[in-house]
């Protein structure tokens, strides 16, 4: 949890990590990219948790988490860590859905997560098949995300 004196609640550190990770990935330095994408994912998770708890942010952690998770998963596929990639992308979509469904989460953050479900669906349909998931499993994940989006638009609809 956030403590006074920690890094600021903005995306500068994350952007720097992501930029260097992308450069390492482009140069096929997979291990270096893995380390940097891991650090970027950690930072995105840190900011996401603070926002979910109601912290005031100078950035939007939901898209940061989508990008960081997708980048890390893409690198893990190259490294042969397909199971890790699939779990991360499926976990990303579940995490966004949980926030969208949680009426106790800050309303602005819930809307932010709802908007970025679209990016999560792109990641599901792009990464999961290459991570070895069956088309039925991918469709099930996508339907879960779409159901959450529909529920958010019409809160009176049933959960299942």
N, C-alpha and C. Protein backbone atom coordinates (compact mmCIF):
# COMPACT_ATOMS: atom_id res chain seq x y z
N UNK A 1 0.85 -1.18 0.00
CA UNK A 1 0.00 0.00 0.00
C UNK A 1 0.89 1.24 0.00
N UNK A 2 0.35 2.32 -0.49
CA UNK A 2 1.08 3.58 -0.63
C UNK A 2 1.48 4.14 0.72
N UNK A 3 2.72 4.54 0.82
CA UNK A 3 3.24 5.19 2.02
C UNK A 3 3.81 6.55 1.62
N UNK A 4 3.70 7.56 2.50
CA UNK A 4 4.31 8.85 2.18
C UNK A 4 5.79 8.66 1.88
N UNK A 5 6.27 9.34 0.88
CA UNK A 5 7.67 9.22 0.49
C UNK A 5 7.87 8.25 -0.66
N UNK A 6 6.85 7.46 -1.00
CA UNK A 6 6.94 6.59 -2.16
C UNK A 6 6.96 7.44 -3.43
N UNK A 7 7.15 6.77 -4.56
CA UNK A 7 7.13 7.48 -5.85
C UNK A 7 5.82 8.23 -6.00
N UNK A 8 5.83 9.31 -6.80
CA UNK A 8 4.60 10.08 -7.01
C UNK A 8 3.52 9.25 -7.69
N UNK A 9 2.31 9.73 -7.58
CA UNK A 9 1.16 9.04 -8.16
C UNK A 9 0.92 9.52 -9.58
N UNK A 10 1.94 9.35 -10.42
CA UNK A 10 1.82 9.68 -11.84
C UNK A 10 2.50 8.58 -12.64
N UNK A 11 2.52 8.75 -13.95
CA UNK A 11 2.99 7.68 -14.82
C UNK A 11 4.41 7.87 -15.35
N UNK A 12 5.15 8.84 -14.85
CA UNK A 12 6.49 9.12 -15.39
C UNK A 12 7.43 7.93 -15.26
N UNK A 13 7.49 7.32 -14.08
CA UNK A 13 8.38 6.17 -13.86
C UNK A 13 7.96 5.01 -14.75
N UNK A 14 6.66 4.75 -14.83
CA UNK A 14 6.15 3.66 -15.65
C UNK A 14 6.50 3.88 -17.13
N UNK A 15 6.30 5.10 -17.62
CA UNK A 15 6.60 5.39 -19.02
C UNK A 15 8.07 5.15 -19.33
N UNK A 16 8.94 5.55 -18.42
CA UNK A 16 10.38 5.36 -18.64
C UNK A 16 10.71 3.87 -18.69
N UNK A 17 10.20 3.10 -17.73
CA UNK A 17 10.44 1.65 -17.74
C UNK A 17 9.91 1.02 -19.02
N UNK A 18 8.72 1.40 -19.41
CA UNK A 18 8.10 0.83 -20.60
C UNK A 18 8.89 1.17 -21.86
N UNK A 19 9.36 2.40 -21.94
CA UNK A 19 10.14 2.83 -23.11
C UNK A 19 11.43 2.01 -23.24
N UNK A 20 12.14 1.84 -22.12
CA UNK A 20 13.38 1.07 -22.16
C UNK A 20 13.10 -0.41 -22.43
N UNK A 21 12.01 -0.92 -21.89
CA UNK A 21 11.64 -2.32 -22.16
C UNK A 21 11.32 -2.51 -23.63
N UNK A 22 10.59 -1.57 -24.22
CA UNK A 22 10.26 -1.65 -25.64
C UNK A 22 11.52 -1.62 -26.51
N UNK A 23 12.49 -0.80 -26.11
CA UNK A 23 13.75 -0.75 -26.87
C UNK A 23 14.49 -2.08 -26.76
N UNK A 24 14.53 -2.66 -25.57
CA UNK A 24 15.19 -3.96 -25.40
C UNK A 24 14.47 -5.04 -26.21
N UNK A 25 13.14 -5.01 -26.20
CA UNK A 25 12.35 -5.98 -26.97
C UNK A 25 12.66 -5.85 -28.45
N UNK A 26 12.69 -4.61 -28.96
CA UNK A 26 12.96 -4.37 -30.38
C UNK A 26 14.35 -4.85 -30.78
N UNK A 27 15.28 -4.81 -29.83
CA UNK A 27 16.65 -5.27 -30.10
C UNK A 27 16.83 -6.76 -29.79
N UNK A 28 15.71 -7.43 -29.48
CA UNK A 28 15.70 -8.87 -29.20
C UNK A 28 16.52 -9.23 -27.96
N UNK A 29 16.59 -8.31 -27.02
CA UNK A 29 17.25 -8.58 -25.73
C UNK A 29 16.16 -8.97 -24.76
N UNK A 30 15.70 -10.21 -24.93
CA UNK A 30 14.50 -10.70 -24.24
C UNK A 30 14.64 -10.68 -22.72
N UNK A 31 15.80 -11.07 -22.19
CA UNK A 31 15.96 -11.10 -20.74
C UNK A 31 15.92 -9.69 -20.14
N UNK A 32 16.56 -8.75 -20.80
CA UNK A 32 16.52 -7.36 -20.35
C UNK A 32 15.09 -6.82 -20.44
N UNK A 33 14.42 -7.13 -21.55
CA UNK A 33 13.02 -6.71 -21.71
C UNK A 33 12.16 -7.31 -20.61
N UNK A 34 12.42 -8.57 -20.27
CA UNK A 34 11.65 -9.24 -19.21
C UNK A 34 11.80 -8.51 -17.88
N UNK A 35 13.01 -8.16 -17.55
CA UNK A 35 13.26 -7.44 -16.29
C UNK A 35 12.55 -6.08 -16.29
N UNK A 36 12.67 -5.36 -17.38
CA UNK A 36 12.07 -4.03 -17.46
C UNK A 36 10.54 -4.08 -17.54
N UNK A 37 10.00 -5.02 -18.33
CA UNK A 37 8.55 -5.16 -18.38
C UNK A 37 8.01 -5.58 -17.01
N UNK A 38 8.75 -6.42 -16.31
CA UNK A 38 8.33 -6.81 -14.96
C UNK A 38 8.27 -5.61 -14.02
N UNK A 39 9.26 -4.73 -14.12
CA UNK A 39 9.27 -3.52 -13.29
C UNK A 39 8.12 -2.58 -13.68
N UNK A 40 7.86 -2.46 -14.98
CA UNK A 40 6.74 -1.62 -15.44
C UNK A 40 5.41 -2.20 -14.98
N UNK A 41 5.28 -3.51 -15.02
CA UNK A 41 4.05 -4.17 -14.56
C UNK A 41 3.87 -3.97 -13.06
N UNK A 42 4.95 -4.06 -12.32
CA UNK A 42 4.88 -3.81 -10.87
C UNK A 42 4.39 -2.39 -10.59
N UNK A 43 4.94 -1.42 -11.32
CA UNK A 43 4.54 -0.02 -11.12
C UNK A 43 3.08 0.19 -11.51
N UNK A 44 2.65 -0.40 -12.62
CA UNK A 44 1.25 -0.28 -13.03
C UNK A 44 0.32 -0.90 -11.98
N UNK A 45 0.70 -2.04 -11.44
CA UNK A 45 -0.09 -2.67 -10.38
C UNK A 45 -0.16 -1.80 -9.14
N UNK A 46 0.97 -1.18 -8.78
CA UNK A 46 1.03 -0.32 -7.60
C UNK A 46 0.03 0.84 -7.76
N UNK A 47 0.05 1.49 -8.91
CA UNK A 47 -0.84 2.62 -9.13
C UNK A 47 -2.30 2.17 -9.25
N UNK A 48 -2.53 1.01 -9.85
CA UNK A 48 -3.88 0.48 -9.98
C UNK A 48 -4.49 0.23 -8.60
N UNK A 49 -3.72 -0.37 -7.70
CA UNK A 49 -4.21 -0.64 -6.35
C UNK A 49 -4.52 0.64 -5.59
N UNK A 50 -3.69 1.65 -5.75
CA UNK A 50 -3.93 2.93 -5.08
C UNK A 50 -5.21 3.57 -5.62
N UNK A 51 -5.39 3.54 -6.94
CA UNK A 51 -6.60 4.11 -7.54
C UNK A 51 -7.83 3.34 -7.09
N UNK A 52 -7.73 2.03 -7.02
CA UNK A 52 -8.87 1.21 -6.60
C UNK A 52 -9.26 1.51 -5.15
N UNK A 53 -8.28 1.88 -4.35
CA UNK A 53 -8.55 2.23 -2.95
C UNK A 53 -9.03 3.67 -2.80
N UNK A 54 -9.12 4.40 -3.91
CA UNK A 54 -9.62 5.76 -3.85
C UNK A 54 -8.56 6.83 -3.87
N UNK A 55 -7.30 6.45 -4.11
CA UNK A 55 -6.23 7.44 -4.17
C UNK A 55 -6.39 8.38 -5.34
N UNK A 56 -5.99 9.62 -5.14
CA UNK A 56 -6.06 10.63 -6.20
C UNK A 56 -4.82 10.49 -7.06
N UNK A 57 -5.04 10.31 -8.37
CA UNK A 57 -3.94 10.02 -9.28
C UNK A 57 -3.74 11.17 -10.27
N UNK A 58 -2.51 11.25 -10.78
CA UNK A 58 -2.22 12.16 -11.89
C UNK A 58 -1.95 11.35 -13.16
N UNK A 59 -2.64 10.23 -13.25
CA UNK A 59 -2.51 9.35 -14.41
C UNK A 59 -3.72 8.42 -14.42
N UNK A 60 -3.82 7.61 -15.47
CA UNK A 60 -4.90 6.64 -15.58
C UNK A 60 -4.30 5.23 -15.49
N UNK A 61 -4.40 4.60 -14.33
CA UNK A 61 -3.74 3.30 -14.14
C UNK A 61 -4.35 2.14 -14.92
N UNK A 62 -5.62 2.21 -15.29
CA UNK A 62 -6.22 1.08 -16.02
C UNK A 62 -5.53 0.85 -17.37
N UNK A 63 -5.37 1.87 -18.22
CA UNK A 63 -4.66 1.59 -19.48
C UNK A 63 -3.20 1.22 -19.26
N UNK A 64 -2.59 1.78 -18.21
CA UNK A 64 -1.22 1.41 -17.91
C UNK A 64 -1.12 -0.09 -17.60
N UNK A 65 -2.08 -0.60 -16.83
CA UNK A 65 -2.08 -2.02 -16.49
C UNK A 65 -2.32 -2.88 -17.72
N UNK A 66 -3.21 -2.45 -18.60
CA UNK A 66 -3.47 -3.21 -19.84
C UNK A 66 -2.20 -3.27 -20.68
N UNK A 67 -1.55 -2.15 -20.88
CA UNK A 67 -0.34 -2.11 -21.70
C UNK A 67 0.79 -2.91 -21.05
N UNK A 68 1.00 -2.71 -19.76
CA UNK A 68 2.10 -3.39 -19.07
C UNK A 68 1.91 -4.91 -19.08
N UNK A 69 0.70 -5.35 -18.84
CA UNK A 69 0.43 -6.79 -18.83
C UNK A 69 0.59 -7.38 -20.22
N UNK A 70 0.07 -6.69 -21.22
CA UNK A 70 0.17 -7.17 -22.59
C UNK A 70 1.63 -7.23 -23.05
N UNK A 71 2.38 -6.18 -22.76
CA UNK A 71 3.80 -6.17 -23.14
C UNK A 71 4.57 -7.31 -22.48
N UNK A 72 4.36 -7.49 -21.18
CA UNK A 72 5.04 -8.57 -20.47
C UNK A 72 4.64 -9.92 -21.05
N UNK A 73 3.36 -10.11 -21.34
CA UNK A 73 2.88 -11.38 -21.89
C UNK A 73 3.48 -11.64 -23.27
N UNK A 74 3.56 -10.61 -24.10
CA UNK A 74 4.18 -10.78 -25.43
C UNK A 74 5.62 -11.24 -25.29
N UNK A 75 6.34 -10.66 -24.35
CA UNK A 75 7.74 -11.05 -24.14
C UNK A 75 7.82 -12.47 -23.59
N UNK A 76 6.90 -12.82 -22.69
CA UNK A 76 6.92 -14.18 -22.12
C UNK A 76 6.67 -15.22 -23.20
N UNK A 77 5.84 -14.91 -24.18
CA UNK A 77 5.61 -15.85 -25.28
C UNK A 77 6.93 -16.08 -26.03
N UNK A 78 7.66 -15.01 -26.30
CA UNK A 78 8.95 -15.14 -26.98
C UNK A 78 9.90 -16.00 -26.14
N UNK A 79 9.85 -15.85 -24.83
CA UNK A 79 10.72 -16.61 -23.93
C UNK A 79 10.23 -18.05 -23.69
N UNK A 80 9.09 -18.40 -24.28
CA UNK A 80 8.55 -19.74 -24.09
C UNK A 80 7.74 -19.91 -22.82
N UNK A 81 7.39 -18.82 -22.19
CA UNK A 81 6.62 -18.85 -20.94
C UNK A 81 5.14 -18.60 -21.26
N UNK A 82 4.61 -19.44 -22.12
CA UNK A 82 3.23 -19.26 -22.61
C UNK A 82 2.20 -19.36 -21.48
N UNK A 83 2.42 -20.26 -20.54
CA UNK A 83 1.46 -20.39 -19.43
C UNK A 83 1.40 -19.10 -18.62
N UNK A 84 2.56 -18.50 -18.35
CA UNK A 84 2.59 -17.22 -17.62
C UNK A 84 1.86 -16.14 -18.40
N UNK A 85 2.08 -16.11 -19.72
CA UNK A 85 1.43 -15.10 -20.56
C UNK A 85 -0.08 -15.25 -20.51
N UNK A 86 -0.58 -16.47 -20.66
CA UNK A 86 -2.02 -16.71 -20.63
C UNK A 86 -2.64 -16.35 -19.29
N UNK A 87 -1.98 -16.75 -18.21
CA UNK A 87 -2.50 -16.43 -16.87
C UNK A 87 -2.54 -14.93 -16.64
N UNK A 88 -1.51 -14.23 -17.11
CA UNK A 88 -1.45 -12.78 -16.89
C UNK A 88 -2.57 -12.06 -17.64
N UNK A 89 -2.81 -12.44 -18.89
CA UNK A 89 -3.84 -11.77 -19.69
C UNK A 89 -5.23 -12.11 -19.16
N UNK A 90 -5.45 -13.37 -18.81
CA UNK A 90 -6.75 -13.74 -18.23
C UNK A 90 -6.95 -13.03 -16.90
N UNK A 91 -5.91 -12.94 -16.10
CA UNK A 91 -5.98 -12.23 -14.82
C UNK A 91 -6.26 -10.75 -14.99
N UNK A 92 -5.68 -10.15 -16.02
CA UNK A 92 -5.93 -8.75 -16.33
C UNK A 92 -7.41 -8.51 -16.59
N UNK A 93 -7.99 -9.33 -17.44
CA UNK A 93 -9.41 -9.12 -17.75
C UNK A 93 -10.28 -9.33 -16.52
N UNK A 94 -9.97 -10.35 -15.71
CA UNK A 94 -10.74 -10.58 -14.48
C UNK A 94 -10.61 -9.40 -13.52
N UNK A 95 -9.43 -8.84 -13.44
CA UNK A 95 -9.20 -7.72 -12.53
C UNK A 95 -10.01 -6.49 -12.94
N UNK A 96 -10.02 -6.19 -14.23
CA UNK A 96 -10.83 -5.07 -14.70
C UNK A 96 -12.31 -5.33 -14.47
N UNK A 97 -12.75 -6.55 -14.75
CA UNK A 97 -14.16 -6.91 -14.54
C UNK A 97 -14.54 -6.77 -13.07
N UNK A 98 -13.66 -7.19 -12.17
CA UNK A 98 -13.95 -7.07 -10.73
C UNK A 98 -14.18 -5.61 -10.33
N UNK A 99 -13.35 -4.72 -10.85
CA UNK A 99 -13.51 -3.30 -10.53
C UNK A 99 -14.82 -2.77 -11.12
N UNK A 100 -15.09 -3.12 -12.37
CA UNK A 100 -16.32 -2.65 -13.02
C UNK A 100 -17.54 -3.14 -12.25
N UNK A 101 -17.50 -4.36 -11.75
CA UNK A 101 -18.63 -4.93 -11.02
C UNK A 101 -18.73 -4.46 -9.56
N UNK A 102 -17.65 -3.89 -9.03
CA UNK A 102 -17.61 -3.50 -7.62
C UNK A 102 -18.19 -2.10 -7.42
N UNK A 103 -19.40 -2.05 -6.92
CA UNK A 103 -20.07 -0.78 -6.71
C UNK A 103 -19.39 0.07 -5.63
N UNK A 104 -18.49 -0.52 -4.86
CA UNK A 104 -17.76 0.21 -3.83
C UNK A 104 -16.50 0.89 -4.37
N UNK A 105 -16.07 0.50 -5.56
CA UNK A 105 -14.89 1.13 -6.16
C UNK A 105 -15.24 2.57 -6.54
N UNK A 106 -14.24 3.46 -6.56
CA UNK A 106 -14.50 4.84 -6.94
C UNK A 106 -15.14 4.91 -8.34
N UNK A 107 -16.23 5.66 -8.49
CA UNK A 107 -16.97 5.70 -9.77
C UNK A 107 -16.10 6.08 -10.97
N UNK A 108 -15.23 7.05 -10.83
CA UNK A 108 -14.39 7.44 -11.96
C UNK A 108 -13.44 6.31 -12.35
N UNK A 109 -12.94 5.60 -11.36
CA UNK A 109 -12.04 4.49 -11.64
C UNK A 109 -12.80 3.32 -12.27
N UNK A 110 -14.03 3.09 -11.82
CA UNK A 110 -14.86 2.05 -12.44
C UNK A 110 -15.07 2.36 -13.92
N UNK A 111 -15.37 3.63 -14.23
CA UNK A 111 -15.57 4.03 -15.64
C UNK A 111 -14.28 3.85 -16.44
N UNK A 112 -13.16 4.21 -15.84
CA UNK A 112 -11.87 4.04 -16.51
C UNK A 112 -11.62 2.56 -16.85
N UNK A 113 -11.91 1.69 -15.90
CA UNK A 113 -11.74 0.25 -16.14
C UNK A 113 -12.70 -0.25 -17.21
N UNK A 114 -13.93 0.26 -17.19
CA UNK A 114 -14.91 -0.12 -18.20
C UNK A 114 -14.42 0.26 -19.60
N UNK A 115 -13.93 1.47 -19.76
CA UNK A 115 -13.43 1.93 -21.05
C UNK A 115 -12.29 1.03 -21.54
N UNK A 116 -11.44 0.60 -20.63
CA UNK A 116 -10.25 -0.15 -21.02
C UNK A 116 -10.47 -1.66 -21.07
N UNK A 117 -11.71 -2.08 -20.88
CA UNK A 117 -12.03 -3.49 -21.15
C UNK A 117 -11.81 -3.81 -22.63
N UNK A 118 -12.01 -2.82 -23.48
CA UNK A 118 -11.81 -3.03 -24.93
C UNK A 118 -10.37 -3.45 -25.20
N UNK A 119 -9.42 -2.78 -24.57
CA UNK A 119 -8.01 -3.16 -24.73
C UNK A 119 -7.73 -4.55 -24.18
N UNK A 120 -8.42 -4.89 -23.10
CA UNK A 120 -8.25 -6.23 -22.53
C UNK A 120 -8.77 -7.30 -23.49
N UNK A 121 -9.88 -7.01 -24.16
CA UNK A 121 -10.42 -7.96 -25.15
C UNK A 121 -9.43 -8.14 -26.30
N UNK A 122 -8.83 -7.04 -26.76
CA UNK A 122 -7.81 -7.14 -27.82
C UNK A 122 -6.66 -8.04 -27.37
N UNK A 123 -6.24 -7.87 -26.12
CA UNK A 123 -5.15 -8.70 -25.59
C UNK A 123 -5.58 -10.16 -25.48
N UNK A 124 -6.81 -10.37 -25.04
CA UNK A 124 -7.32 -11.75 -24.93
C UNK A 124 -7.29 -12.44 -26.29
N UNK A 125 -7.79 -11.76 -27.31
CA UNK A 125 -7.90 -12.39 -28.62
C UNK A 125 -6.55 -12.47 -29.35
N UNK A 126 -5.61 -11.65 -28.96
CA UNK A 126 -4.29 -11.67 -29.60
C UNK A 126 -3.32 -12.61 -28.89
N UNK A 127 -3.24 -12.51 -27.58
CA UNK A 127 -2.22 -13.24 -26.83
C UNK A 127 -2.64 -14.67 -26.49
N UNK A 128 -3.87 -14.86 -26.03
CA UNK A 128 -4.27 -16.19 -25.56
C UNK A 128 -4.11 -17.30 -26.61
N UNK A 129 -4.51 -17.09 -27.86
CA UNK A 129 -4.30 -18.17 -28.84
C UNK A 129 -2.82 -18.52 -29.01
N UNK A 130 -1.96 -17.52 -29.00
CA UNK A 130 -0.52 -17.78 -29.14
C UNK A 130 0.08 -18.39 -27.87
N UNK A 131 -0.64 -18.24 -26.75
CA UNK A 131 -0.20 -18.84 -25.49
C UNK A 131 -0.72 -20.27 -25.36
N UNK A 132 -1.41 -20.75 -26.40
CA UNK A 132 -1.86 -22.14 -26.41
C UNK A 132 -3.28 -22.36 -25.95
N UNK A 133 -4.05 -21.29 -25.74
CA UNK A 133 -5.43 -21.45 -25.30
C UNK A 133 -6.31 -21.85 -26.48
N UNK A 134 -7.28 -22.68 -26.22
CA UNK A 134 -8.22 -23.09 -27.25
C UNK A 134 -9.14 -21.92 -27.62
N UNK A 135 -9.72 -22.00 -28.80
CA UNK A 135 -10.62 -20.92 -29.21
C UNK A 135 -11.83 -20.85 -28.29
N UNK A 136 -12.31 -22.00 -27.78
CA UNK A 136 -13.43 -21.99 -26.83
C UNK A 136 -13.07 -21.27 -25.54
N UNK A 137 -11.86 -21.48 -25.05
CA UNK A 137 -11.42 -20.82 -23.82
C UNK A 137 -11.28 -19.31 -24.03
N UNK A 138 -10.79 -18.93 -25.19
CA UNK A 138 -10.65 -17.50 -25.50
C UNK A 138 -12.03 -16.86 -25.58
N UNK A 139 -12.96 -17.51 -26.26
CA UNK A 139 -14.33 -16.98 -26.38
C UNK A 139 -14.97 -16.84 -25.01
N UNK A 140 -14.76 -17.82 -24.13
CA UNK A 140 -15.33 -17.74 -22.77
C UNK A 140 -14.79 -16.53 -22.02
N UNK A 141 -13.50 -16.26 -22.15
CA UNK A 141 -12.91 -15.08 -21.49
C UNK A 141 -13.50 -13.79 -22.07
N UNK A 142 -13.60 -13.73 -23.37
CA UNK A 142 -14.15 -12.54 -24.03
C UNK A 142 -15.60 -12.32 -23.60
N UNK A 143 -16.38 -13.38 -23.52
CA UNK A 143 -17.79 -13.26 -23.13
C UNK A 143 -17.92 -12.75 -21.68
N UNK A 144 -17.01 -13.18 -20.82
CA UNK A 144 -17.03 -12.69 -19.44
C UNK A 144 -16.82 -11.17 -19.41
N UNK A 145 -15.88 -10.69 -20.21
CA UNK A 145 -15.60 -9.25 -20.27
C UNK A 145 -16.80 -8.50 -20.87
N UNK A 146 -17.34 -9.01 -21.93
CA UNK A 146 -18.49 -8.35 -22.57
C UNK A 146 -19.70 -8.33 -21.65
N UNK A 147 -19.90 -9.40 -20.89
CA UNK A 147 -21.01 -9.43 -19.93
C UNK A 147 -20.84 -8.33 -18.87
N UNK A 148 -19.62 -8.15 -18.41
CA UNK A 148 -19.36 -7.10 -17.42
C UNK A 148 -19.65 -5.73 -18.00
N UNK A 149 -19.26 -5.52 -19.25
CA UNK A 149 -19.53 -4.23 -19.89
C UNK A 149 -21.02 -3.98 -20.01
N UNK A 150 -21.76 -5.00 -20.38
CA UNK A 150 -23.22 -4.86 -20.49
C UNK A 150 -23.85 -4.60 -19.13
N UNK A 151 -23.38 -5.29 -18.11
CA UNK A 151 -23.91 -5.07 -16.75
C UNK A 151 -23.65 -3.64 -16.29
N UNK A 152 -22.47 -3.13 -16.62
CA UNK A 152 -22.12 -1.77 -16.22
C UNK A 152 -23.01 -0.75 -16.91
N UNK A 153 -23.41 -1.04 -18.13
CA UNK A 153 -24.29 -0.12 -18.86
C UNK A 153 -25.71 -0.22 -18.38
N UNK A 154 -26.09 -1.41 -17.88
CA UNK A 154 -27.44 -1.63 -17.34
C UNK A 154 -27.31 -2.39 -16.03
N UNK A 155 -27.09 -1.66 -14.91
CA UNK A 155 -26.86 -2.31 -13.62
C UNK A 155 -28.03 -3.16 -13.15
N UNK A 156 -29.20 -3.02 -13.74
CA UNK A 156 -30.34 -3.83 -13.31
C UNK A 156 -30.30 -5.23 -13.90
N UNK A 157 -29.38 -5.48 -14.87
CA UNK A 157 -29.31 -6.81 -15.47
C UNK A 157 -28.67 -7.78 -14.47
N UNK A 158 -29.06 -9.05 -14.53
CA UNK A 158 -28.52 -10.03 -13.58
C UNK A 158 -27.03 -10.29 -13.83
N UNK A 159 -26.34 -10.72 -12.79
CA UNK A 159 -24.90 -11.00 -12.89
C UNK A 159 -24.64 -12.20 -13.79
N UNK A 160 -25.53 -13.20 -13.76
CA UNK A 160 -25.32 -14.42 -14.56
C UNK A 160 -26.51 -14.68 -15.44
